[in-house]
Amino acid sequence: MIAMNMGKRLRMRRVFRDGKALILPIDHPVYYGPLPGTENPAKLVALARDNGATAVLATAGALRTAVDEIGGLGIVMRVDAPVSHLGGPDSVRHLLHGVGQAAALGADMVIINCYLGMGDTALESAMLRAMADVSAECERAGMPMCAEIIPHVPSADGTPAPPTSADLATAMRLGLEYNCDVVKTVYNGDPEGFARAVAAGHLPVIMAGGPKTSDDLAIFGQAFEAMSHGASGIVVGRRVWGSPKPVAAMRAMHALVFEGKTGAAAVAIYKRGKG
């Protein structure tokens, strides 16, 4: 286990329960605007609080509208942001807050993005520098840091391809090398390769839920494979608040993460559940 100072350890226990985390992210509007399902941050925080999440991932501004609904949830605060989707790609980023400000606003953990393999050395370098700077601030402040490190590997037609397990190993290990505490990244459908990448990273890894697809039930099988092969938690937003049955989706994911339910069992819970 990686050694942490006391401040980090105390804050981490509000995001992870028994070493596992189920986090509802509601930070998407900072890039996309108010997507359907994200119009009311307070409603989403209450959804997370009442249906098994350990934490929410949000900007400080969204949390301000929902502070009365937090209850016992941990707070993972987004401290960076891209330009809007009207302005350009989400790899062009800037800092929203310093770590001290995030601590003053009540954060238990901060999160920052870093994309690898974009084909633009200056962009990648800027994101890596920001990650290093925030990591150093976190160490001074006793604030846990989650690095959302995602390899973007274009395919022959220019669309993103699933990262290889070697790509994921690079992403996870960079989190360690930059003195982060948690890595959030994608799952690539290669269970054994994913497990090797997690083992080489030496940090808790939480799986990003990713965008909605034509098969919204596939997330449960993916989450089960990731959790069974080294992941310490799931961060799922669009598959919950974008679902026809967000309460059922949240409860099914809780059963998978904390009760050891299989992907198929989680699907059954979801299908039986109410909206």
Protein backbone atom coordinates (compact mmCIF):
# COMPACT_ATOMS: atom_id res chain seq x y z
CA MET A 1 0.00 0.00 0.00
CA ILE A 2 1.28 3.47 -0.87
CA ALA A 3 2.09 5.54 2.23
CA MET A 4 -0.07 8.65 2.73
CA ASN A 5 -0.01 11.51 5.16
CA MET A 6 -2.80 11.69 7.73
CA GLY A 7 -4.79 14.35 5.90
CA LYS A 8 -4.92 12.25 2.74
CA ARG A 9 -5.86 9.10 4.66
CA LEU A 10 -8.72 10.79 6.49
CA ARG A 11 -10.13 12.32 3.32
CA MET A 12 -9.75 9.12 1.31
CA ARG A 13 -11.99 7.21 3.72
CA ARG A 14 -14.87 9.51 2.79
CA VAL A 15 -14.58 8.52 -0.88
CA PHE A 16 -13.64 4.84 -0.49
CA ARG A 17 -15.55 2.48 1.81
CA ASP A 18 -13.77 -0.76 2.65
CA GLY A 19 -11.35 0.02 -0.15
CA LYS A 20 -14.05 0.45 -2.80
CA ALA A 21 -15.68 3.46 -4.41
CA LEU A 22 -18.85 4.07 -6.38
CA ILE A 23 -18.84 7.64 -7.66
CA LEU A 24 -21.56 9.50 -9.56
CA PRO A 25 -19.96 12.13 -11.82
CA ILE A 26 -22.07 15.17 -12.63
CA ASP A 27 -19.31 17.37 -14.09
CA HIS A 28 -20.21 16.81 -17.77
CA PRO A 29 -21.97 20.20 -18.22
CA VAL A 30 -18.67 22.03 -17.80
CA TYR A 31 -17.93 20.88 -21.37
CA TYR A 32 -21.21 19.73 -22.92
CA GLY A 33 -23.65 22.11 -21.25
CA PRO A 34 -26.72 20.77 -19.43
CA LEU A 35 -27.17 17.33 -20.94
CA PRO A 36 -30.57 15.67 -20.41
CA GLY A 37 -30.55 14.34 -16.87
CA THR A 38 -28.05 16.89 -15.51
CA GLU A 39 -30.32 19.93 -15.32
CA ASN A 40 -30.73 19.71 -11.53
CA PRO A 41 -27.48 19.00 -9.63
CA ALA A 42 -29.26 18.74 -6.28
CA LYS A 43 -31.49 15.98 -7.62
CA LEU A 44 -28.45 14.06 -8.85
CA VAL A 45 -26.64 14.40 -5.53
CA ALA A 46 -29.72 13.08 -3.74
CA LEU A 47 -29.84 10.19 -6.23
CA ALA A 48 -26.25 9.29 -5.33
CA ARG A 49 -26.77 9.75 -1.58
CA ASP A 50 -29.88 7.58 -1.38
CA ASN A 51 -28.86 4.73 -3.67
CA GLY A 52 -25.46 3.49 -2.64
CA ALA A 53 -22.83 5.87 -4.02
CA THR A 54 -19.84 6.70 -1.87
CA ALA A 55 -19.15 10.07 -3.52
CA VAL A 56 -20.08 12.54 -6.21
CA LEU A 57 -17.69 14.09 -8.73
CA ALA A 58 -18.63 17.67 -9.49
CA THR A 59 -17.46 21.21 -9.97
CA ALA A 60 -17.65 23.58 -7.02
CA GLY A 61 -20.36 25.58 -8.76
CA ALA A 62 -22.66 22.59 -9.19
CA LEU A 63 -22.06 21.52 -5.60
CA ARG A 64 -23.07 24.95 -4.36
CA THR A 65 -26.59 24.31 -5.68
CA ALA A 66 -26.67 20.88 -3.98
CA VAL A 67 -24.85 21.37 -0.70
CA ASP A 68 -27.94 20.60 1.40
CA GLU A 69 -28.23 17.17 -0.25
CA ILE A 70 -24.67 15.94 0.33
CA GLY A 71 -25.33 13.96 3.52
CA GLY A 72 -22.50 11.49 4.07
CA LEU A 73 -21.22 11.50 0.50
CA GLY A 74 -17.58 12.13 -0.24
CA ILE A 75 -16.82 15.04 -2.54
CA VAL A 76 -14.47 14.64 -5.50
CA MET A 77 -14.00 18.13 -6.89
CA ARG A 78 -13.15 18.82 -10.52
CA VAL A 79 -10.34 21.41 -10.46
CA ASP A 80 -9.71 21.60 -14.20
CA ALA A 81 -11.97 22.16 -17.17
CA PRO A 82 -11.81 22.19 -20.96
CA VAL A 83 -13.04 24.86 -23.29
CA SER A 84 -16.73 24.33 -24.09
CA HIS A 85 -17.78 21.92 -26.82
CA LEU A 86 -18.60 25.04 -28.84
CA GLY A 87 -15.00 26.15 -28.61
CA GLY A 88 -12.92 23.08 -29.32
CA PRO A 89 -11.76 19.65 -28.13
CA ASP A 90 -11.80 18.73 -24.45
CA SER A 91 -8.02 18.28 -24.52
CA VAL A 92 -7.59 22.07 -24.35
CA ARG A 93 -7.80 22.60 -20.60
CA HIS A 94 -7.27 25.14 -17.83
CA LEU A 95 -7.42 25.08 -14.03
CA LEU A 96 -10.62 26.10 -12.25
CA HIS A 97 -9.28 26.08 -8.69
CA GLY A 98 -6.14 25.62 -6.69
CA VAL A 99 -5.98 22.77 -4.18
CA GLY A 100 -6.24 25.16 -1.22
CA GLN A 101 -9.44 26.62 -2.62
CA ALA A 102 -10.84 23.12 -3.19
CA ALA A 103 -10.07 22.26 0.44
CA ALA A 104 -11.79 25.43 1.63
CA LEU A 105 -14.82 24.49 -0.48
CA GLY A 106 -15.11 21.11 1.24
CA ALA A 107 -13.41 18.71 -1.18
CA ASP A 108 -12.29 15.29 0.03
CA MET A 109 -10.37 14.64 -3.20
CA VAL A 110 -9.55 16.59 -6.34
CA ILE A 111 -9.51 15.29 -9.90
CA ILE A 112 -7.71 16.49 -13.02
CA ASN A 113 -7.65 15.12 -16.57
CA CYS A 114 -4.66 14.09 -18.64
CA TYR A 115 -4.97 12.61 -22.12
CA LEU A 116 -2.12 10.63 -23.65
CA GLY A 117 -1.36 9.93 -27.29
CA MET A 118 -3.24 12.88 -28.77
CA GLY A 119 -0.56 13.46 -31.38
CA ASP A 120 0.06 16.98 -30.05
CA THR A 121 3.18 17.14 -27.89
CA ALA A 122 2.45 20.67 -26.63
CA LEU A 123 -1.06 19.75 -25.47
CA GLU A 124 0.09 16.58 -23.73
CA SER A 125 3.00 18.40 -22.13
CA ALA A 126 0.67 21.10 -20.78
CA MET A 127 -1.63 18.49 -19.23
CA LEU A 128 1.29 16.63 -17.68
CA ARG A 129 2.70 19.87 -16.23
CA ALA A 130 -0.69 20.71 -14.74
CA MET A 131 -0.92 17.23 -13.23
CA ALA A 132 2.52 17.62 -11.68
CA ASP A 133 1.68 21.04 -10.25
CA VAL A 134 -1.62 19.87 -8.74
CA SER A 135 0.07 16.76 -7.34
CA ALA A 136 2.64 18.92 -5.55
CA GLU A 137 -0.11 21.16 -4.14
CA CYS A 138 -2.04 18.10 -2.96
CA GLU A 139 0.97 16.74 -1.11
CA ARG A 140 1.41 20.03 0.73
CA ALA A 141 -2.28 20.29 1.59
CA GLY A 142 -2.92 16.66 2.56
CA MET A 143 -5.48 16.37 -0.24
CA PRO A 144 -5.89 13.10 -2.18
CA MET A 145 -5.54 13.48 -5.93
CA CYS A 146 -7.27 11.43 -8.61
CA ALA A 147 -5.66 11.65 -12.03
CA GLU A 148 -8.01 10.87 -14.90
CA ILE A 149 -5.42 9.56 -17.33
CA ILE A 150 -6.89 8.26 -20.57
CA PRO A 151 -4.94 7.07 -23.61
CA HIS A 152 -6.49 8.37 -26.83
CA VAL A 153 -5.33 6.16 -29.65
CA PRO A 154 -6.80 7.07 -33.05
CA SER A 155 -7.66 4.25 -35.42
CA ALA A 156 -6.99 4.29 -39.16
CA ASP A 157 -10.16 6.30 -39.83
CA GLY A 158 -9.31 8.84 -37.11
CA THR A 159 -11.90 7.70 -34.55
CA PRO A 160 -10.70 6.72 -31.06
CA ALA A 161 -9.82 3.05 -30.68
CA PRO A 162 -9.92 1.15 -27.38
CA PRO A 163 -6.55 1.51 -25.67
CA THR A 164 -4.35 -1.54 -25.52
CA SER A 165 -3.48 -2.94 -22.12
CA ALA A 166 0.04 -1.60 -22.64
CA ASP A 167 -1.48 1.87 -23.14
CA LEU A 168 -3.45 1.45 -19.91
CA ALA A 169 -0.35 0.28 -18.06
CA THR A 170 1.39 3.48 -19.15
CA ALA A 171 -1.56 5.58 -17.96
CA MET A 172 -1.79 3.86 -14.59
CA ARG A 173 1.95 3.93 -13.97
CA LEU A 174 2.13 7.64 -14.81
CA GLY A 175 -0.27 8.20 -11.91
CA LEU A 176 2.28 6.62 -9.58
CA GLU A 177 5.24 8.42 -11.12
CA TYR A 178 3.45 11.78 -10.73
CA ASN A 179 2.71 11.02 -7.06
CA CYS A 180 -1.06 10.79 -7.52
CA ASP A 181 -3.23 8.73 -5.17
CA VAL A 182 -5.91 7.28 -7.47
CA VAL A 183 -6.14 6.77 -11.23
CA LYS A 184 -9.40 6.96 -13.14
CA THR A 185 -9.25 5.42 -16.58
CA VAL A 186 -11.22 3.34 -19.06
CA TYR A 187 -11.62 -0.42 -19.25
CA ASN A 188 -10.64 -1.96 -22.58
CA GLY A 189 -12.28 -5.40 -22.48
CA ASP A 190 -9.02 -7.29 -21.88
CA PRO A 191 -9.41 -8.66 -18.33
CA GLU A 192 -5.98 -10.22 -17.93
CA GLY A 193 -4.16 -7.31 -19.53
CA PHE A 194 -6.11 -4.87 -17.37
CA ALA A 195 -5.16 -6.83 -14.24
CA ARG A 196 -1.47 -6.71 -15.19
CA ALA A 197 -1.72 -2.96 -15.78
CA VAL A 198 -3.34 -2.39 -12.38
CA ALA A 199 -0.69 -4.48 -10.64
CA ALA A 200 2.12 -2.49 -12.30
CA GLY A 201 0.51 0.82 -11.34
CA HIS A 202 0.48 0.24 -7.56
CA LEU A 203 -2.46 2.64 -7.08
CA PRO A 204 -6.22 2.22 -6.72
CA VAL A 205 -7.80 2.31 -10.18
CA ILE A 206 -11.41 3.38 -10.72
CA MET A 207 -13.13 2.62 -14.00
CA ALA A 208 -14.71 5.39 -16.05
CA GLY A 209 -18.22 4.54 -17.24
CA GLY A 210 -17.81 6.26 -20.58
CA PRO A 211 -20.43 7.50 -23.04
CA LYS A 212 -23.83 5.97 -23.63
CA THR A 213 -23.99 3.32 -26.34
CA SER A 214 -26.68 1.35 -28.12
CA ASP A 215 -26.31 -1.31 -25.39
CA ASP A 216 -26.68 0.48 -22.07
CA LEU A 217 -26.69 -2.82 -20.17
CA ALA A 218 -23.15 -3.64 -21.31
CA ILE A 219 -21.75 -1.37 -18.59
CA PHE A 220 -22.62 -3.93 -15.92
CA GLY A 221 -20.59 -6.67 -17.55
CA GLN A 222 -17.69 -4.27 -18.14
CA ALA A 223 -17.80 -3.09 -14.52
CA PHE A 224 -17.84 -6.66 -13.24
CA GLU A 225 -14.83 -7.60 -15.36
CA ALA A 226 -12.91 -4.53 -14.22
CA MET A 227 -13.75 -5.07 -10.54
CA SER A 228 -12.86 -8.76 -10.84
CA HIS A 229 -9.48 -7.86 -12.31
CA GLY A 230 -8.12 -5.24 -9.98
CA ALA A 231 -10.29 -2.12 -10.15
CA SER A 232 -11.18 -0.53 -6.82
CA GLY A 233 -14.34 1.21 -7.99
CA ILE A 234 -16.52 2.59 -10.72
CA VAL A 235 -17.27 6.16 -11.81
CA VAL A 236 -20.50 6.02 -13.79
CA GLY A 237 -22.62 9.00 -14.82
CA ARG A 238 -24.21 8.93 -18.27
CA ARG A 239 -25.24 5.29 -17.78
CA VAL A 240 -27.04 6.35 -14.56
CA TRP A 241 -28.54 9.83 -14.96
CA GLY A 242 -28.91 9.21 -18.70
CA SER A 243 -30.72 5.94 -18.09
CA PRO A 244 -34.50 5.50 -18.30
CA LYS A 245 -34.22 4.14 -14.73
CA PRO A 246 -31.50 6.06 -12.88
CA VAL A 247 -32.42 4.75 -9.42
CA ALA A 248 -32.36 1.16 -10.64
CA ALA A 249 -29.04 1.76 -12.43
CA MET A 250 -27.44 3.20 -9.30
CA ARG A 251 -28.67 0.37 -7.09
CA ALA A 252 -27.56 -2.29 -9.55
CA MET A 253 -24.09 -0.75 -9.70
CA HIS A 254 -23.93 -0.66 -5.89
CA ALA A 255 -24.80 -4.35 -5.75
CA LEU A 256 -22.01 -5.09 -8.21
CA VAL A 257 -19.35 -3.02 -6.45
CA PHE A 258 -20.17 -3.75 -2.80
CA GLU A 259 -22.13 -7.00 -2.77
CA GLY A 260 -20.06 -8.93 -5.27
CA LYS A 261 -22.92 -9.37 -7.74
CA THR A 262 -22.01 -10.47 -11.25
CA GLY A 263 -22.73 -8.38 -14.30
CA ALA A 264 -25.70 -10.59 -15.13
CA ALA A 265 -27.07 -10.26 -11.60
CA ALA A 266 -26.69 -6.47 -11.79
CA VAL A 267 -28.61 -6.45 -15.08
CA ALA A 268 -31.40 -8.42 -13.40
CA ILE A 269 -31.50 -5.93 -10.51
CA TYR A 270 -31.70 -3.10 -13.00
CA LYS A 271 -34.51 -4.71 -14.98
CA ARG A 272 -36.52 -5.38 -11.82
CA GLY A 273 -35.94 -1.91 -10.44
CA LYS A 274 -38.08 1.16 -10.74
CA GLY A 275 -37.09 4.45 -12.28
